[in-house]
C-alpha cells in the first residue's frame, strides 16, 4: 500500500496501482481543538456525539492519521462549520 500526498491536501492511498481511499488534512488542528473546547466539550465527548472513534479522533487532531471524506463531514457538522473551513480541499 502506498500513501501519497496530493496537492499537499489530500492523502491518496493506493494498492496495486488502484486508488482505494482518499483522506483529508486539517488546515489547522489546533483551531479545531480550540473550537471543541469553546463548545464546552472534551475531545472524548465530541467524538461520542459525532460517532467517531475517540482514538482515531486524537490521531486526526495530532495529524498521525487523516479522516475520510464522510468522517470529515461528521467532524465539520459537529463543529457547525463547512468542510472547506477546516479541511484543505
N, C-alpha and C. Protein backbone atom coordinates (compact mmCIF):
# COMPACT_ATOMS: atom_id res chain seq x y z
N UNK A 1 0.84 -1.17 0.00
CA UNK A 1 0.00 0.00 0.00
C UNK A 1 0.89 1.24 0.00
N UNK A 2 0.56 2.21 -0.81
CA UNK A 2 1.35 3.42 -0.95
C UNK A 2 0.47 4.61 -0.58
N UNK A 3 1.01 5.51 0.26
CA UNK A 3 0.32 6.76 0.57
C UNK A 3 1.04 7.90 -0.12
N UNK A 4 0.28 8.73 -0.83
CA UNK A 4 0.86 9.89 -1.50
C UNK A 4 0.07 11.12 -1.08
N UNK A 5 0.77 12.22 -0.89
CA UNK A 5 0.12 13.48 -0.61
C UNK A 5 -0.11 14.19 -1.93
N UNK A 6 -1.35 14.48 -2.24
CA UNK A 6 -1.70 15.14 -3.49
C UNK A 6 -1.99 16.61 -3.22
N UNK A 7 -1.29 17.46 -3.89
CA UNK A 7 -1.54 18.90 -3.78
C UNK A 7 -1.44 19.37 -2.33
N UNK A 8 -0.66 18.68 -1.51
CA UNK A 8 -0.41 18.99 -0.10
C UNK A 8 -1.68 19.01 0.74
N UNK A 9 -2.77 18.43 0.25
CA UNK A 9 -4.04 18.49 0.96
C UNK A 9 -4.72 17.15 1.15
N UNK A 10 -4.69 16.33 0.12
CA UNK A 10 -5.44 15.07 0.15
C UNK A 10 -4.45 13.92 0.11
N UNK A 11 -4.65 12.99 1.02
CA UNK A 11 -3.81 11.80 1.03
C UNK A 11 -4.50 10.74 0.19
N UNK A 12 -3.79 10.23 -0.79
CA UNK A 12 -4.32 9.18 -1.66
C UNK A 12 -3.64 7.88 -1.28
N UNK A 13 -4.42 6.87 -0.99
CA UNK A 13 -3.87 5.57 -0.63
C UNK A 13 -4.09 4.63 -1.81
N UNK A 14 -2.99 4.07 -2.30
CA UNK A 14 -3.06 3.19 -3.46
C UNK A 14 -2.67 1.77 -3.06
N UNK A 15 -3.32 0.83 -3.68
CA UNK A 15 -2.97 -0.58 -3.52
C UNK A 15 -2.93 -1.18 -4.91
N UNK A 16 -1.75 -1.66 -5.30
CA UNK A 16 -1.55 -2.25 -6.62
C UNK A 16 -1.98 -1.31 -7.74
N UNK A 17 -1.66 -0.03 -7.59
CA UNK A 17 -1.95 0.95 -8.63
C UNK A 17 -3.36 1.48 -8.64
N UNK A 18 -4.24 0.96 -7.78
CA UNK A 18 -5.63 1.43 -7.72
C UNK A 18 -5.82 2.30 -6.49
N UNK A 19 -6.52 3.39 -6.65
CA UNK A 19 -6.84 4.24 -5.50
C UNK A 19 -7.90 3.54 -4.68
N UNK A 20 -7.60 3.34 -3.39
CA UNK A 20 -8.56 2.66 -2.52
C UNK A 20 -9.16 3.60 -1.48
N UNK A 21 -8.54 4.76 -1.27
CA UNK A 21 -9.09 5.70 -0.28
C UNK A 21 -8.55 7.10 -0.52
N UNK A 22 -9.36 8.06 -0.17
CA UNK A 22 -8.95 9.46 -0.16
C UNK A 22 -9.18 9.97 1.26
N UNK A 23 -8.26 10.73 1.77
CA UNK A 23 -8.42 11.31 3.10
C UNK A 23 -8.06 12.79 3.05
N UNK A 24 -8.54 13.55 4.01
CA UNK A 24 -8.35 14.99 4.04
C UNK A 24 -7.48 15.41 5.22
N UNK A 25 -6.79 16.54 5.07
CA UNK A 25 -5.95 17.08 6.13
C UNK A 25 -6.61 18.30 6.76
N UNK A 26 -6.49 18.42 8.10
CA UNK A 26 -6.94 19.64 8.76
C UNK A 26 -6.08 20.80 8.31
N UNK A 27 -6.68 21.96 8.11
CA UNK A 27 -5.91 23.17 7.84
C UNK A 27 -5.12 23.54 9.09
N UNK A 28 -5.81 23.50 10.24
CA UNK A 28 -5.20 23.89 11.50
C UNK A 28 -5.81 23.06 12.62
N UNK A 29 -5.19 21.92 12.98
CA UNK A 29 -5.77 21.06 14.00
C UNK A 29 -5.92 21.75 15.36
N UNK A 30 -5.03 22.68 15.67
CA UNK A 30 -5.13 23.40 16.95
C UNK A 30 -6.41 24.24 17.01
N UNK A 31 -6.79 24.81 15.89
CA UNK A 31 -8.02 25.58 15.83
C UNK A 31 -9.24 24.68 16.08
N UNK A 32 -9.19 23.46 15.57
CA UNK A 32 -10.28 22.51 15.77
C UNK A 32 -10.37 22.15 17.25
N UNK A 33 -9.22 21.89 17.89
CA UNK A 33 -9.21 21.59 19.33
C UNK A 33 -9.81 22.75 20.12
N UNK A 34 -9.46 23.98 19.75
CA UNK A 34 -10.00 25.16 20.43
C UNK A 34 -11.50 25.28 20.23
N UNK A 35 -11.97 25.01 19.02
CA UNK A 35 -13.41 25.08 18.73
C UNK A 35 -14.18 24.06 19.56
N UNK A 36 -13.63 22.86 19.69
CA UNK A 36 -14.27 21.82 20.52
C UNK A 36 -14.35 22.31 21.96
N UNK A 37 -13.25 22.86 22.47
CA UNK A 37 -13.22 23.37 23.84
C UNK A 37 -14.19 24.54 24.03
N UNK A 38 -14.27 25.41 23.04
CA UNK A 38 -15.16 26.57 23.12
C UNK A 38 -16.63 26.15 23.13
N UNK A 39 -16.91 24.96 22.62
CA UNK A 39 -18.28 24.42 22.67
C UNK A 39 -18.55 23.77 24.02
N UNK A 40 -17.54 23.78 24.90
CA UNK A 40 -17.71 23.20 26.23
C UNK A 40 -17.59 21.69 26.24
N UNK A 41 -16.91 21.13 25.27
CA UNK A 41 -16.78 19.68 25.16
C UNK A 41 -15.32 19.26 25.28
N UNK A 42 -15.14 18.03 25.70
CA UNK A 42 -13.83 17.40 25.62
C UNK A 42 -13.75 16.72 24.26
N UNK A 43 -12.56 16.31 23.88
CA UNK A 43 -12.41 15.57 22.62
C UNK A 43 -13.18 14.26 22.71
N UNK A 44 -13.14 13.63 23.88
CA UNK A 44 -13.88 12.36 24.06
C UNK A 44 -15.38 12.58 23.90
N UNK A 45 -15.91 13.61 24.52
CA UNK A 45 -17.34 13.90 24.42
C UNK A 45 -17.75 14.26 23.01
N UNK A 46 -16.94 15.08 22.35
CA UNK A 46 -17.20 15.46 20.96
C UNK A 46 -17.20 14.22 20.07
N UNK A 47 -16.21 13.35 20.26
CA UNK A 47 -16.12 12.12 19.45
C UNK A 47 -17.35 11.26 19.62
N UNK A 48 -17.80 11.11 20.87
CA UNK A 48 -19.01 10.32 21.13
C UNK A 48 -20.22 10.94 20.43
N UNK A 49 -20.34 12.26 20.55
CA UNK A 49 -21.51 12.94 19.98
C UNK A 49 -21.58 12.79 18.47
N UNK A 50 -20.44 12.85 17.80
CA UNK A 50 -20.46 12.76 16.33
C UNK A 50 -20.25 11.33 15.83
N UNK A 51 -20.12 10.40 16.76
CA UNK A 51 -19.97 8.98 16.43
C UNK A 51 -18.68 8.69 15.64
N UNK A 52 -17.56 9.23 16.16
CA UNK A 52 -16.23 8.96 15.61
C UNK A 52 -15.40 8.39 16.74
N UNK A 53 -14.70 7.31 16.48
CA UNK A 53 -13.86 6.67 17.49
C UNK A 53 -12.90 7.68 18.12
N UNK A 54 -12.86 7.71 19.46
CA UNK A 54 -12.02 8.67 20.18
C UNK A 54 -10.55 8.55 19.80
N UNK A 55 -10.03 7.33 19.77
CA UNK A 55 -8.61 7.13 19.45
C UNK A 55 -8.28 7.67 18.06
N UNK A 56 -9.17 7.42 17.11
CA UNK A 56 -8.95 7.94 15.76
C UNK A 56 -9.03 9.46 15.74
N UNK A 57 -9.98 10.02 16.48
CA UNK A 57 -10.12 11.48 16.53
C UNK A 57 -8.84 12.12 17.05
N UNK A 58 -8.24 11.54 18.08
CA UNK A 58 -6.98 12.05 18.62
C UNK A 58 -5.88 11.96 17.56
N UNK A 59 -5.84 10.85 16.83
CA UNK A 59 -4.83 10.70 15.78
C UNK A 59 -5.05 11.71 14.65
N UNK A 60 -6.30 11.99 14.32
CA UNK A 60 -6.59 13.02 13.31
C UNK A 60 -6.08 14.38 13.78
N UNK A 61 -6.39 14.71 15.04
CA UNK A 61 -6.00 16.01 15.57
C UNK A 61 -4.49 16.15 15.74
N UNK A 62 -3.81 15.03 15.92
CA UNK A 62 -2.35 15.04 16.03
C UNK A 62 -1.67 14.80 14.69
N UNK A 63 -2.45 14.80 13.63
CA UNK A 63 -2.02 14.57 12.24
C UNK A 63 -1.20 13.29 12.06
N UNK A 64 -1.54 12.27 12.83
CA UNK A 64 -0.93 10.94 12.64
C UNK A 64 -1.71 10.16 11.59
N UNK A 65 -3.02 10.42 11.51
CA UNK A 65 -3.90 9.82 10.50
C UNK A 65 -4.77 10.93 9.95
N UNK A 66 -5.45 10.64 8.84
CA UNK A 66 -6.28 11.63 8.18
C UNK A 66 -7.66 11.03 7.93
N UNK A 67 -8.73 11.80 8.22
CA UNK A 67 -10.08 11.27 8.08
C UNK A 67 -10.53 11.14 6.62
N UNK A 68 -11.42 10.19 6.41
CA UNK A 68 -12.05 10.03 5.10
C UNK A 68 -13.04 11.17 4.90
N UNK A 69 -13.48 11.41 3.67
CA UNK A 69 -14.47 12.47 3.45
C UNK A 69 -15.75 12.33 4.30
N UNK A 70 -16.34 11.12 4.46
CA UNK A 70 -17.53 11.03 5.32
C UNK A 70 -17.23 11.38 6.79
N UNK A 71 -16.07 10.99 7.28
CA UNK A 71 -15.70 11.32 8.66
C UNK A 71 -15.41 12.81 8.78
N UNK A 72 -14.77 13.38 7.78
CA UNK A 72 -14.52 14.83 7.77
C UNK A 72 -15.84 15.59 7.83
N UNK A 73 -16.85 15.09 7.13
CA UNK A 73 -18.18 15.72 7.16
C UNK A 73 -18.78 15.65 8.56
N UNK A 74 -18.65 14.50 9.23
CA UNK A 74 -19.15 14.38 10.61
C UNK A 74 -18.49 15.40 11.52
N UNK A 75 -17.17 15.54 11.38
CA UNK A 75 -16.42 16.48 12.22
C UNK A 75 -16.87 17.91 11.93
N UNK A 76 -16.96 18.27 10.66
CA UNK A 76 -17.38 19.61 10.29
C UNK A 76 -18.80 19.90 10.78
N UNK A 77 -19.70 18.95 10.60
CA UNK A 77 -21.08 19.13 11.06
C UNK A 77 -21.13 19.30 12.57
N UNK A 78 -20.32 18.50 13.28
CA UNK A 78 -20.28 18.60 14.74
C UNK A 78 -19.77 19.94 15.23
N UNK A 79 -18.94 20.59 14.43
CA UNK A 79 -18.41 21.91 14.76
C UNK A 79 -19.26 23.03 14.17
N UNK A 80 -20.32 22.65 13.43
CA UNK A 80 -21.19 23.58 12.73
C UNK A 80 -20.39 24.47 11.79
N UNK A 81 -19.51 23.83 11.02
CA UNK A 81 -18.67 24.52 10.05
C UNK A 81 -18.73 23.76 8.73
N UNK A 82 -18.32 24.42 7.68
CA UNK A 82 -18.23 23.77 6.36
C UNK A 82 -16.92 22.98 6.30
N UNK A 83 -16.91 21.88 5.56
CA UNK A 83 -15.71 21.07 5.42
C UNK A 83 -14.53 21.93 4.95
N UNK A 84 -14.77 22.80 3.98
CA UNK A 84 -13.71 23.64 3.44
C UNK A 84 -13.13 24.64 4.43
N UNK A 85 -13.85 24.91 5.51
CA UNK A 85 -13.35 25.82 6.53
C UNK A 85 -12.29 25.20 7.42
N UNK A 86 -12.34 23.88 7.58
CA UNK A 86 -11.38 23.23 8.50
C UNK A 86 -10.48 22.21 7.82
N UNK A 87 -10.85 21.78 6.62
CA UNK A 87 -10.02 20.82 5.88
C UNK A 87 -9.52 21.44 4.59
N UNK A 88 -8.29 21.12 4.24
CA UNK A 88 -7.74 21.54 2.96
C UNK A 88 -8.35 20.66 1.88
N UNK A 89 -8.90 21.31 0.88
CA UNK A 89 -9.55 20.57 -0.21
C UNK A 89 -8.91 20.97 -1.52
